[in-house]
Amino acid sequence: MQVFDRAAVRAHRERSAASWPQHDFLKREVAERLLDRLRDINRSFDVALDLGCHGGTVAQLLPGIQKVDRLIQSDVAAAMARQAAGTGWPALVADEEALPFGPQSFDLALSVLNLHWVNDLPGTLLQLRHSLKPDGLFLGALLGGESLHELRVALMEAELELTGGLSPRISPFAEVRDCGSLLQRAGFALPVVDQDEITVTYGDPFGLLRDLRGMAETNAVQERPRGLSRRALFARMAEIYAQRFAQPDGRIPVTFQILYMTAWAPHEAQQQPLRPGSATTRLADALDTVERAAGDKANPARRPGA
């Protein structure tokens, strides 16, 4: 199922590469939060991959935690890869849907705000798992389903009002409940998914649109409207956005929901679940409560007349 136009994703990255340092604030913030998780892991990694490196934000931050000896950066856009190579770590052009890496190439794989543009996310996760050595770690962060919900609502209402119909103007994002099962489908062990929200404020919605363009996060859905959109649509969107969501000081909030994924390539030394029925301690004893058969109630209610 081809939801995204990958050529458009690449073109947006190529276009935004020159001005990337002026618009990387969200990726930088999320990268710092993701690397905090890496800092808490009590081990070091020889060779790491930064998948979807953009302009090299992770490479700039990674030396500060002293966990990785060598980093390979990759991006779907050549202009981004060239910029990332300026960090001193090697960078190459690679499509996330067809990774060029051999089996067991890396001890660690990182991906920050990149995988939400992949059509076949289970397939990409499977390729990442194959590229990791046994007991290798995957840490990923991607935009979740609540991201940009204010803009989504304002655009939908404006388009319905002006045209009587709806167009896919904002990309669909993953839901937190799906990410764990996707990691399991890809063969990862010990998957953990958590979420965070980052709220940014702007003077008006057009500042948000400029930043989305600078981040290469503009619409790349296959069924998106082609050609120039009507100015009246975005003018009405800005009015609705302000009416529905403006703060007391007049600034408008923008929500980014971030989903963090942590998982490991399987290894025999990892903790394994116990065989069902092998427990030696009753749960009721551990909870200091009374065990009852299924269906029993602690204080059954008496029916009228009984």
C-alpha atoms as a PDB file:
ATOM      1  CA  MET A   1       0.000   0.000   0.000  1.00  0.00           C
ATOM      2  CA  GLN A   2       1.629   3.211  -1.203  1.00  0.00           C
ATOM      3  CA  VAL A   3       0.402   5.986   1.092  1.00  0.00           C
ATOM      4  CA  PHE A   4       3.354   8.332   0.546  1.00  0.00           C
ATOM      5  CA  ASP A   5       4.962   9.657  -2.609  1.00  0.00           C
ATOM      6  CA  ARG A   6       8.580   8.806  -1.881  1.00  0.00           C
ATOM      7  CA  ALA A   7       9.818  11.001  -4.728  1.00  0.00           C
ATOM      8  CA  ALA A   8       8.075  13.939  -3.059  1.00  0.00           C
ATOM      9  CA  VAL A   9       9.622  13.036   0.311  1.00  0.00           C
ATOM     10  CA  ARG A  10      13.060  13.096  -1.312  1.00  0.00           C
ATOM     11  CA  ALA A  11      12.352  16.360  -3.146  1.00  0.00           C
ATOM     12  CA  HIS A  12      11.194  18.048   0.066  1.00  0.00           C
ATOM     13  CA  ARG A  13      14.422  16.977   1.808  1.00  0.00           C
ATOM     14  CA  GLU A  14      16.554  18.207  -1.081  1.00  0.00           C
ATOM     15  CA  ARG A  15      14.774  21.578  -1.052  1.00  0.00           C
ATOM     16  CA  SER A  16      15.063  22.120   2.692  1.00  0.00           C
ATOM     17  CA  ALA A  17      18.704  21.042   3.081  1.00  0.00           C
ATOM     18  CA  ALA A  18      20.174  24.520   2.567  1.00  0.00           C
ATOM     19  CA  SER A  19      18.059  26.073   5.331  1.00  0.00           C
ATOM     20  CA  TRP A  20      17.918  23.010   7.594  1.00  0.00           C
ATOM     21  CA  PRO A  21      19.913  24.552  10.498  1.00  0.00           C
ATOM     22  CA  GLN A  22      17.249  27.287  10.813  1.00  0.00           C
ATOM     23  CA  HIS A  23      14.436  24.721  11.174  1.00  0.00           C
ATOM     24  CA  ASP A  24      15.933  21.742  13.020  1.00  0.00           C
ATOM     25  CA  PHE A  25      14.633  22.682  16.485  1.00  0.00           C
ATOM     26  CA  LEU A  26      12.085  19.845  16.682  1.00  0.00           C
ATOM     27  CA  LYS A  27      14.485  17.159  15.468  1.00  0.00           C
ATOM     28  CA  ARG A  28      17.154  18.451  17.854  1.00  0.00           C
ATOM     29  CA  GLU A  29      14.785  18.367  20.835  1.00  0.00           C
ATOM     30  CA  VAL A  30      13.537  14.859  20.018  1.00  0.00           C
ATOM     31  CA  ALA A  31      17.097  13.638  19.353  1.00  0.00           C
ATOM     32  CA  GLU A  32      18.174  14.882  22.771  1.00  0.00           C
ATOM     33  CA  ARG A  33      15.276  13.050  24.426  1.00  0.00           C
ATOM     34  CA  LEU A  34      16.014   9.865  22.493  1.00  0.00           C
ATOM     35  CA  LEU A  35      19.709  10.009  23.367  1.00  0.00           C
ATOM     36  CA  ASP A  36      18.746  10.387  27.037  1.00  0.00           C
ATOM     37  CA  ARG A  37      17.348   6.867  26.709  1.00  0.00           C
ATOM     38  CA  LEU A  38      20.629   5.711  25.209  1.00  0.00           C
ATOM     39  CA  ARG A  39      22.541   7.350  28.067  1.00  0.00           C
ATOM     40  CA  ASP A  40      20.561   5.221  30.556  1.00  0.00           C
ATOM     41  CA  ILE A  41      21.670   1.951  28.919  1.00  0.00           C
ATOM     42  CA  ASN A  42      24.719   0.543  30.660  1.00  0.00           C
ATOM     43  CA  ARG A  43      26.771  -0.438  27.632  1.00  0.00           C
ATOM     44  CA  SER A  44      28.674   1.054  24.706  1.00  0.00           C
ATOM     45  CA  PHE A  45      28.248   0.409  20.984  1.00  0.00           C
ATOM     46  CA  ASP A  46      30.961  -0.056  18.392  1.00  0.00           C
ATOM     47  CA  VAL A  47      29.136   0.804  15.139  1.00  0.00           C
ATOM     48  CA  ALA A  48      25.844   2.718  14.965  1.00  0.00           C
ATOM     49  CA  LEU A  49      23.491   3.746  12.162  1.00  0.00           C
ATOM     50  CA  ASP A  50      21.561   7.021  12.032  1.00  0.00           C
ATOM     51  CA  LEU A  51      18.736   6.293   9.587  1.00  0.00           C
ATOM     52  CA  GLY A  52      17.209   9.473   8.173  1.00  0.00           C
ATOM     53  CA  CYS A  53      19.974  11.713   9.461  1.00  0.00           C
ATOM     54  CA  HIS A  54      18.748  14.949   7.813  1.00  0.00           C
ATOM     55  CA  GLY A  55      21.575  17.466   8.275  1.00  0.00           C
ATOM     56  CA  GLY A  56      23.481  15.508  10.930  1.00  0.00           C
ATOM     57  CA  THR A  57      21.681  16.570  14.114  1.00  0.00           C
ATOM     58  CA  VAL A  58      22.224  13.252  15.908  1.00  0.00           C
ATOM     59  CA  ALA A  59      25.900  13.216  14.903  1.00  0.00           C
ATOM     60  CA  GLN A  60      26.348  16.635  16.497  1.00  0.00           C
ATOM     61  CA  LEU A  61      24.832  15.450  19.792  1.00  0.00           C
ATOM     62  CA  LEU A  62      26.196  11.905  19.999  1.00  0.00           C
ATOM     63  CA  PRO A  63      29.764  12.652  21.185  1.00  0.00           C
ATOM     64  CA  GLY A  64      28.343  14.219  24.345  1.00  0.00           C
ATOM     65  CA  ILE A  65      27.137  10.879  25.701  1.00  0.00           C
ATOM     66  CA  GLN A  66      30.279   8.865  24.796  1.00  0.00           C
ATOM     67  CA  LYS A  67      28.394   5.677  23.936  1.00  0.00           C
ATOM     68  CA  VAL A  68      29.260   5.158  20.251  1.00  0.00           C
ATOM     69  CA  ASP A  69      32.684   4.627  18.644  1.00  0.00           C
ATOM     70  CA  ARG A  70      31.641   4.907  14.974  1.00  0.00           C
ATOM     71  CA  LEU A  71      28.538   6.345  13.328  1.00  0.00           C
ATOM     72  CA  ILE A  72      27.229   5.798   9.800  1.00  0.00           C
ATOM     73  CA  GLN A  73      24.652   8.354   8.661  1.00  0.00           C
ATOM     74  CA  SER A  74      22.139   7.864   5.868  1.00  0.00           C
ATOM     75  CA  ASP A  75      19.385   9.938   4.294  1.00  0.00           C
ATOM     76  CA  VAL A  76      17.112   9.601   1.285  1.00  0.00           C
ATOM     77  CA  ALA A  77      18.253  13.043   0.015  1.00  0.00           C
ATOM     78  CA  ALA A  78      21.769  13.575  -1.326  1.00  0.00           C
ATOM     79  CA  ALA A  79      21.832  17.219  -0.194  1.00  0.00           C
ATOM     80  CA  MET A  80      21.063  16.192   3.384  1.00  0.00           C
ATOM     81  CA  ALA A  81      23.694  13.444   3.312  1.00  0.00           C
ATOM     82  CA  ARG A  82      26.334  15.906   2.070  1.00  0.00           C
ATOM     83  CA  GLN A  83      25.476  18.293   4.874  1.00  0.00           C
ATOM     84  CA  ALA A  84      25.549  15.504   7.460  1.00  0.00           C
ATOM     85  CA  ALA A  85      28.995  14.429   6.259  1.00  0.00           C
ATOM     86  CA  GLY A  86      30.252  17.808   7.451  1.00  0.00           C
ATOM     87  CA  THR A  87      29.925  16.556  11.030  1.00  0.00           C
ATOM     88  CA  GLY A  88      32.974  14.337  10.502  1.00  0.00           C
ATOM     89  CA  TRP A  89      30.974  11.081  10.434  1.00  0.00           C
ATOM     90  CA  PRO A  90      30.491   9.373   7.032  1.00  0.00           C
ATOM     91  CA  ALA A  91      27.099   9.751   5.331  1.00  0.00           C
ATOM     92  CA  LEU A  92      25.480   8.030   2.369  1.00  0.00           C
ATOM     93  CA  VAL A  93      22.240   8.175   0.392  1.00  0.00           C
ATOM     94  CA  ALA A  94      19.881   5.292   1.201  1.00  0.00           C
ATOM     95  CA  ASP A  95      16.168   4.671   0.857  1.00  0.00           C
ATOM     96  CA  GLU A  96      14.602   3.460   4.107  1.00  0.00           C
ATOM     97  CA  GLU A  97      12.415   1.040   2.147  1.00  0.00           C
ATOM     98  CA  ALA A  98      15.431  -0.700   0.538  1.00  0.00           C
ATOM     99  CA  LEU A  99      18.341  -0.537   2.957  1.00  0.00           C
ATOM    100  CA  PRO A 100      21.756  -1.354   1.452  1.00  0.00           C
ATOM    101  CA  PHE A 101      23.307  -2.752   4.634  1.00  0.00           C
ATOM    102  CA  GLY A 102      24.335  -6.351   5.117  1.00  0.00           C
ATOM    103  CA  PRO A 103      23.155  -8.611   7.950  1.00  0.00           C
ATOM    104  CA  GLN A 104      24.540  -7.886  11.407  1.00  0.00           C
ATOM    105  CA  SER A 105      26.306  -4.684  10.343  1.00  0.00           C
ATOM    106  CA  PHE A 106      25.494  -2.523  13.377  1.00  0.00           C
ATOM    107  CA  ASP A 107      25.402  -2.695  17.150  1.00  0.00           C
ATOM    108  CA  LEU A 108      22.932   0.192  17.350  1.00  0.00           C
ATOM    109  CA  ALA A 109      20.363   1.729  14.990  1.00  0.00           C
ATOM    110  CA  LEU A 110      18.873   5.166  15.607  1.00  0.00           C
ATOM    111  CA  SER A 111      16.107   6.940  13.702  1.00  0.00           C
ATOM    112  CA  VAL A 112      14.745  10.350  14.690  1.00  0.00           C
ATOM    113  CA  LEU A 113      11.595  11.797  13.050  1.00  0.00           C
ATOM    114  CA  ASN A 114      12.025   9.865   9.843  1.00  0.00           C
ATOM    115  CA  LEU A 115      10.040   6.611   9.836  1.00  0.00           C
ATOM    116  CA  HIS A 116       6.621   8.300   9.634  1.00  0.00           C
ATOM    117  CA  TRP A 117       7.358   8.840   5.897  1.00  0.00           C
ATOM    118  CA  VAL A 118       7.851   5.122   5.189  1.00  0.00           C
ATOM    119  CA  ASN A 119       5.137   3.221   3.316  1.00  0.00           C
ATOM    120  CA  ASP A 120       6.114  -0.239   4.554  1.00  0.00           C
ATOM    121  CA  LEU A 121       7.022   0.389   8.181  1.00  0.00           C
ATOM    122  CA  PRO A 122       6.986  -3.333   9.147  1.00  0.00           C
ATOM    123  CA  GLY A 123       9.317  -4.058   6.222  1.00  0.00           C
ATOM    124  CA  THR A 124      11.716  -1.268   7.184  1.00  0.00           C
ATOM    125  CA  LEU A 125      11.755  -2.440  10.804  1.00  0.00           C
ATOM    126  CA  LEU A 126      12.453  -5.981   9.600  1.00  0.00           C
ATOM    127  CA  GLN A 127      15.397  -4.735   7.526  1.00  0.00           C
ATOM    128  CA  LEU A 128      16.696  -2.796  10.520  1.00  0.00           C
ATOM    129  CA  ARG A 129      16.471  -5.889  12.696  1.00  0.00           C
ATOM    130  CA  HIS A 130      18.446  -7.909  10.129  1.00  0.00           C
ATOM    131  CA  SER A 131      21.096  -5.171   9.989  1.00  0.00           C
ATOM    132  CA  LEU A 132      21.649  -5.388  13.750  1.00  0.00           C
ATOM    133  CA  LYS A 133      23.988  -7.819  15.419  1.00  0.00           C
ATOM    134  CA  PRO A 134      22.435 -10.186  17.986  1.00  0.00           C
ATOM    135  CA  ASP A 135      21.525  -8.169  21.073  1.00  0.00           C
ATOM    136  CA  GLY A 136      21.827  -4.971  19.023  1.00  0.00           C
ATOM    137  CA  LEU A 137      19.640  -2.059  20.035  1.00  0.00           C
ATOM    138  CA  PHE A 138      17.089  -0.099  18.020  1.00  0.00           C
ATOM    139  CA  LEU A 139      15.963   3.335  19.233  1.00  0.00           C
ATOM    140  CA  GLY A 140      13.456   5.216  17.102  1.00  0.00           C
ATOM    141  CA  ALA A 141      11.255   8.284  17.389  1.00  0.00           C
ATOM    142  CA  LEU A 142       8.472   9.196  14.985  1.00  0.00           C
ATOM    143  CA  LEU A 143       5.467  11.494  14.874  1.00  0.00           C
ATOM    144  CA  GLY A 144       2.310  10.035  16.393  1.00  0.00           C
ATOM    145  CA  GLY A 145      -1.340  10.357  15.442  1.00  0.00           C
ATOM    146  CA  GLU A 146      -2.086  13.400  17.603  1.00  0.00           C
ATOM    147  CA  SER A 147       0.572  15.505  15.870  1.00  0.00           C
ATOM    148  CA  LEU A 148      -0.680  18.699  14.213  1.00  0.00           C
ATOM    149  CA  HIS A 149      -4.251  17.955  15.245  1.00  0.00           C
ATOM    150  CA  GLU A 150      -4.996  21.677  15.547  1.00  0.00           C
ATOM    151  CA  LEU A 151      -3.900  22.310  11.964  1.00  0.00           C
ATOM    152  CA  ARG A 152      -5.779  19.229  10.785  1.00  0.00           C
ATOM    153  CA  VAL A 153      -9.035  20.444  12.341  1.00  0.00           C
ATOM    154  CA  ALA A 154      -8.650  23.986  10.985  1.00  0.00           C
ATOM    155  CA  LEU A 155      -7.892  22.780   7.449  1.00  0.00           C
ATOM    156  CA  MET A 156     -10.773  20.304   7.465  1.00  0.00           C
ATOM    157  CA  GLU A 157     -13.298  22.892   8.603  1.00  0.00           C
ATOM    158  CA  ALA A 158     -12.034  25.484   6.135  1.00  0.00           C
ATOM    159  CA  GLU A 159     -12.117  23.077   3.199  1.00  0.00           C
ATOM    160  CA  LEU A 160     -15.582  21.773   4.048  1.00  0.00           C
ATOM    161  CA  GLU A 161     -16.845  25.321   4.325  1.00  0.00           C
ATOM    162  CA  LEU A 162     -15.341  26.515   1.026  1.00  0.00           C
ATOM    163  CA  THR A 163     -15.527  23.430  -1.190  1.00  0.00           C
ATOM    164  CA  GLY A 164     -17.940  21.021   0.471  1.00  0.00           C
ATOM    165  CA  GLY A 165     -15.323  18.238   0.410  1.00  0.00           C
ATOM    166  CA  LEU A 166     -12.106  17.048   2.006  1.00  0.00           C
ATOM    167  CA  SER A 167      -8.604  16.367   0.667  1.00  0.00           C
ATOM    168  CA  PRO A 168      -5.668  14.585   2.372  1.00  0.00           C
ATOM    169  CA  ARG A 169      -3.655  17.662   3.336  1.00  0.00           C
ATOM    170  CA  ILE A 170      -1.844  16.275   6.410  1.00  0.00           C
ATOM    171  CA  SER A 171      -0.097  12.912   6.477  1.00  0.00           C
ATOM    172  CA  PRO A 172      -1.490  10.049   8.543  1.00  0.00           C
ATOM    173  CA  PHE A 173       0.727   9.155  11.499  1.00  0.00           C
ATOM    174  CA  ALA A 174       1.242   5.971  13.506  1.00  0.00           C
ATOM    175  CA  GLU A 175      -0.687   5.237  16.682  1.00  0.00           C
ATOM    176  CA  VAL A 176       1.091   4.282  19.878  1.00  0.00           C
ATOM    177  CA  ARG A 177      -0.952   1.086  20.229  1.00  0.00           C
ATOM    178  CA  ASP A 178       0.351  -0.178  16.870  1.00  0.00           C
ATOM    179  CA  CYS A 179       4.081   0.371  17.342  1.00  0.00           C
ATOM    180  CA  GLY A 180       4.687  -2.465  19.802  1.00  0.00           C
ATOM    181  CA  SER A 181       2.991  -5.026  17.552  1.00  0.00           C
ATOM    182  CA  LEU A 182       4.959  -3.708  14.553  1.00  0.00           C
ATOM    183  CA  LEU A 183       8.223  -4.257  16.428  1.00  0.00           C
ATOM    184  CA  GLN A 184       7.147  -7.787  17.342  1.00  0.00           C
ATOM    185  CA  ARG A 185       6.141  -8.524  13.736  1.00  0.00           C
ATOM    186  CA  ALA A 186       9.619  -7.450  12.667  1.00  0.00           C
ATOM    187  CA  GLY A 187      11.162  -9.993  15.060  1.00  0.00           C
ATOM    188  CA  PHE A 188      12.458  -7.609  17.721  1.00  0.00           C
ATOM    189  CA  ALA A 189      12.698  -8.718  21.331  1.00  0.00           C
ATOM    190  CA  LEU A 190      11.741  -6.791  24.471  1.00  0.00           C
ATOM    191  CA  PRO A 191       9.867  -3.994  22.656  1.00  0.00           C
ATOM    192  CA  VAL A 192       8.907  -0.886  24.644  1.00  0.00           C
ATOM    193  CA  VAL A 193       6.909   2.054  23.273  1.00  0.00           C
ATOM    194  CA  ASP A 194       6.235   5.296  25.108  1.00  0.00           C
ATOM    195  CA  GLN A 195       5.016   8.690  24.063  1.00  0.00           C
ATOM    196  CA  ASP A 196       5.629  12.351  24.723  1.00  0.00           C
ATOM    197  CA  GLU A 197       4.102  15.631  23.595  1.00  0.00           C
ATOM    198  CA  ILE A 198       5.911  18.770  22.568  1.00  0.00           C
ATOM    199  CA  THR A 199       3.896  21.967  22.209  1.00  0.00           C
ATOM    200  CA  VAL A 200       5.252  24.876  20.194  1.00  0.00           C
ATOM    201  CA  THR A 201       3.544  28.267  19.845  1.00  0.00           C
ATOM    202  CA  TYR A 202       3.498  30.637  16.880  1.00  0.00           C
ATOM    203  CA  GLY A 203       2.248  34.124  16.243  1.00  0.00           C
ATOM    204  CA  ASP A 204       0.062  32.808  13.418  1.00  0.00           C
ATOM    205  CA  PRO A 205      -0.435  29.547  11.455  1.00  0.00           C
ATOM    206  CA  PHE A 206       1.673  30.790   8.561  1.00  0.00           C
ATOM    207  CA  GLY A 207       4.773  30.672  10.764  1.00  0.00           C
ATOM    208  CA  LEU A 208       3.987  27.000  11.379  1.00  0.00           C
ATOM    209  CA  LEU A 209       3.608  26.338   7.642  1.00  0.00           C
ATOM    210  CA  ARG A 210       6.988  27.969   6.973  1.00  0.00           C
ATOM    211  CA  ASP A 211       8.657  25.786   9.588  1.00  0.00           C
ATOM    212  CA  LEU A 212       6.997  22.624   8.266  1.00  0.00           C
ATOM    213  CA  ARG A 213       8.372  23.453   4.837  1.00  0.00           C
ATOM    214  CA  GLY A 214      11.823  24.104   6.314  1.00  0.00           C
ATOM    215  CA  MET A 215      11.679  20.778   8.183  1.00  0.00           C
ATOM    216  CA  ALA A 216      10.712  18.934   4.954  1.00  0.00           C
ATOM    217  CA  GLU A 217       7.472  17.921   6.667  1.00  0.00           C
ATOM    218  CA  THR A 218       5.046  19.223   4.029  1.00  0.00           C
ATOM    219  CA  ASN A 219       2.411  16.986   2.478  1.00  0.00           C
ATOM    220  CA  ALA A 220       3.745  13.976   0.560  1.00  0.00           C
ATOM    221  CA  VAL A 221       0.606  11.810   0.511  1.00  0.00           C
ATOM    222  CA  GLN A 222       0.041  10.143  -2.863  1.00  0.00           C
ATOM    223  CA  GLU A 223      -3.535  11.452  -3.080  1.00  0.00           C
ATOM    224  CA  ARG A 224      -2.685  15.001  -2.046  1.00  0.00           C
ATOM    225  CA  PRO A 225      -4.143  17.900  -4.070  1.00  0.00           C
ATOM    226  CA  ARG A 226      -1.822  18.851  -6.921  1.00  0.00           C
ATOM    227  CA  GLY A 227      -1.092  22.399  -8.028  1.00  0.00           C
ATOM    228  CA  LEU A 228      -1.475  25.602  -6.040  1.00  0.00           C
ATOM    229  CA  SER A 229      -4.121  25.674  -3.313  1.00  0.00           C
ATOM    230  CA  ARG A 230      -6.549  28.560  -3.120  1.00  0.00           C
ATOM    231  CA  ARG A 231      -5.369  31.456  -0.976  1.00  0.00           C
ATOM    232  CA  ALA A 232      -8.874  31.711   0.450  1.00  0.00           C
ATOM    233  CA  LEU A 233      -8.542  28.210   1.907  1.00  0.00           C
ATOM    234  CA  PHE A 234      -5.449  29.035   3.958  1.00  0.00           C
ATOM    235  CA  ALA A 235      -6.788  32.438   4.944  1.00  0.00           C
ATOM    236  CA  ARG A 236      -9.934  30.789   6.298  1.00  0.00           C
ATOM    237  CA  MET A 237      -7.814  28.067   7.945  1.00  0.00           C
ATOM    238  CA  ALA A 238      -5.857  30.750   9.813  1.00  0.00           C
ATOM    239  CA  GLU A 239      -9.091  32.351  11.030  1.00  0.00           C
ATOM    240  CA  ILE A 240     -10.498  29.029  12.271  1.00  0.00           C
ATOM    241  CA  TYR A 241      -7.189  28.059  13.873  1.00  0.00           C
ATOM    242  CA  ALA A 242      -7.134  31.309  15.865  1.00  0.00           C
ATOM    243  CA  GLN A 243     -10.808  31.065  16.815  1.00  0.00           C
ATOM    244  CA  ARG A 244     -10.570  27.452  17.998  1.00  0.00           C
ATOM    245  CA  PHE A 245      -7.123  27.237  19.559  1.00  0.00           C
ATOM    246  CA  ALA A 246      -5.561  30.654  20.232  1.00  0.00           C
ATOM    247  CA  GLN A 247      -4.146  31.187  23.714  1.00  0.00           C
ATOM    248  CA  PRO A 248      -5.032  34.263  25.824  1.00  0.00           C
ATOM    249  CA  ASP A 249      -1.951  36.071  24.489  1.00  0.00           C
ATOM    250  CA  GLY A 250      -3.113  35.453  20.911  1.00  0.00           C
ATOM    251  CA  ARG A 251      -0.432  32.894  20.043  1.00  0.00           C
ATOM    252  CA  ILE A 252      -1.497  29.575  18.542  1.00  0.00           C
ATOM    253  CA  PRO A 253      -0.296  26.195  19.912  1.00  0.00           C
ATOM    254  CA  VAL A 254       0.966  23.310  17.785  1.00  0.00           C
ATOM    255  CA  THR A 255       1.097  19.794  19.212  1.00  0.00           C
ATOM    256  CA  PHE A 256       3.694  17.224  18.174  1.00  0.00           C
ATOM    257  CA  GLN A 257       3.099  13.767  19.611  1.00  0.00           C
ATOM    258  CA  ILE A 258       6.343  11.786  19.649  1.00  0.00           C
ATOM    259  CA  LEU A 259       6.368   7.986  19.820  1.00  0.00           C
ATOM    260  CA  TYR A 260       9.599   6.416  21.106  1.00  0.00           C
ATOM    261  CA  MET A 261      10.410   2.805  20.274  1.00  0.00           C
ATOM    262  CA  THR A 262      13.027   0.707  22.049  1.00  0.00           C
ATOM    263  CA  ALA A 263      13.724  -2.890  21.027  1.00  0.00           C
ATOM    264  CA  TRP A 264      16.554  -5.403  20.749  1.00  0.00           C
ATOM    265  CA  ALA A 265      17.669  -7.875  18.123  1.00  0.00           C
ATOM    266  CA  PRO A 266      17.101 -11.318  19.657  1.00  0.00           C
ATOM    267  CA  HIS A 267      19.904 -13.015  21.567  1.00  0.00           C
ATOM    268  CA  GLU A 268      19.896 -16.174  23.685  1.00  0.00           C
ATOM    269  CA  ALA A 269      21.275 -14.309  26.705  1.00  0.00           C
ATOM    270  CA  GLN A 270      18.299 -11.952  26.868  1.00  0.00           C
ATOM    271  CA  GLN A 271      15.631 -12.302  29.525  1.00  0.00           C
ATOM    272  CA  GLN A 272      12.976 -14.796  28.394  1.00  0.00           C
ATOM    273  CA  PRO A 273       9.351 -15.086  29.523  1.00  0.00           C
ATOM    274  CA  LEU A 274       8.643 -18.010  31.861  1.00  0.00           C
ATOM    275  CA  ARG A 275       6.707 -21.030  30.653  1.00  0.00           C
ATOM    276  CA  PRO A 276       2.974 -20.688  31.472  1.00  0.00           C
ATOM    277  CA  GLY A 277       2.180 -22.512  34.710  1.00  0.00           C
ATOM    278  CA  SER A 278       5.770 -22.497  35.992  1.00  0.00           C
ATOM    279  CA  ALA A 279       5.223 -19.880  38.717  1.00  0.00           C
ATOM    280  CA  THR A 280       6.140 -20.975  42.257  1.00  0.00           C
ATOM    281  CA  THR A 281       4.407 -18.111  44.114  1.00  0.00           C
ATOM    282  CA  ARG A 282       0.686 -17.376  44.095  1.00  0.00           C
ATOM    283  CA  LEU A 283      -0.271 -13.904  42.872  1.00  0.00           C
ATOM    284  CA  ALA A 284      -2.795 -13.606  45.702  1.00  0.00           C
ATOM    285  CA  ASP A 285       0.010 -14.110  48.248  1.00  0.00           C
ATOM    286  CA  ALA A 286       2.161 -11.458  46.567  1.00  0.00           C
ATOM    287  CA  LEU A 287      -0.744  -8.997  46.643  1.00  0.00           C
ATOM    288  CA  ASP A 288      -1.787 -10.039  50.181  1.00  0.00           C
ATOM    289  CA  THR A 289      -5.360 -10.683  49.099  1.00  0.00           C
ATOM    290  CA  VAL A 290      -7.864 -13.525  48.946  1.00  0.00           C
ATOM    291  CA  GLU A 291      -8.011 -15.684  45.833  1.00  0.00           C
ATOM    292  CA  ARG A 292     -11.494 -16.229  44.382  1.00  0.00           C
ATOM    293  CA  ALA A 293     -12.687 -18.315  41.491  1.00  0.00           C
ATOM    294  CA  ALA A 294     -13.393 -16.518  38.209  1.00  0.00           C
ATOM    295  CA  GLY A 295     -16.835 -14.916  38.246  1.00  0.00           C
ATOM    296  CA  ASP A 296     -17.073 -14.624  42.039  1.00  0.00           C
ATOM    297  CA  LYS A 297     -17.731 -11.176  43.497  1.00  0.00           C
ATOM    298  CA  ALA A 298     -16.248  -9.844  46.700  1.00  0.00           C
ATOM    299  CA  ASN A 299     -19.588  -8.377  47.884  1.00  0.00           C
ATOM    300  CA  PRO A 300     -22.415  -9.823  45.741  1.00  0.00           C
ATOM    301  CA  ALA A 301     -25.402  -7.474  45.586  1.00  0.00           C
ATOM    302  CA  ARG A 302     -28.715  -8.863  46.790  1.00  0.00           C
ATOM    303  CA  ARG A 303     -31.470  -8.753  44.171  1.00  0.00           C
ATOM    304  CA  PRO A 304     -34.736  -7.046  45.191  1.00  0.00           C
ATOM    305  CA  GLY A 305     -36.976  -9.599  46.849  1.00  0.00           C
ATOM    306  CA  ALA A 306     -34.230 -12.187  47.251  1.00  0.00           C
END
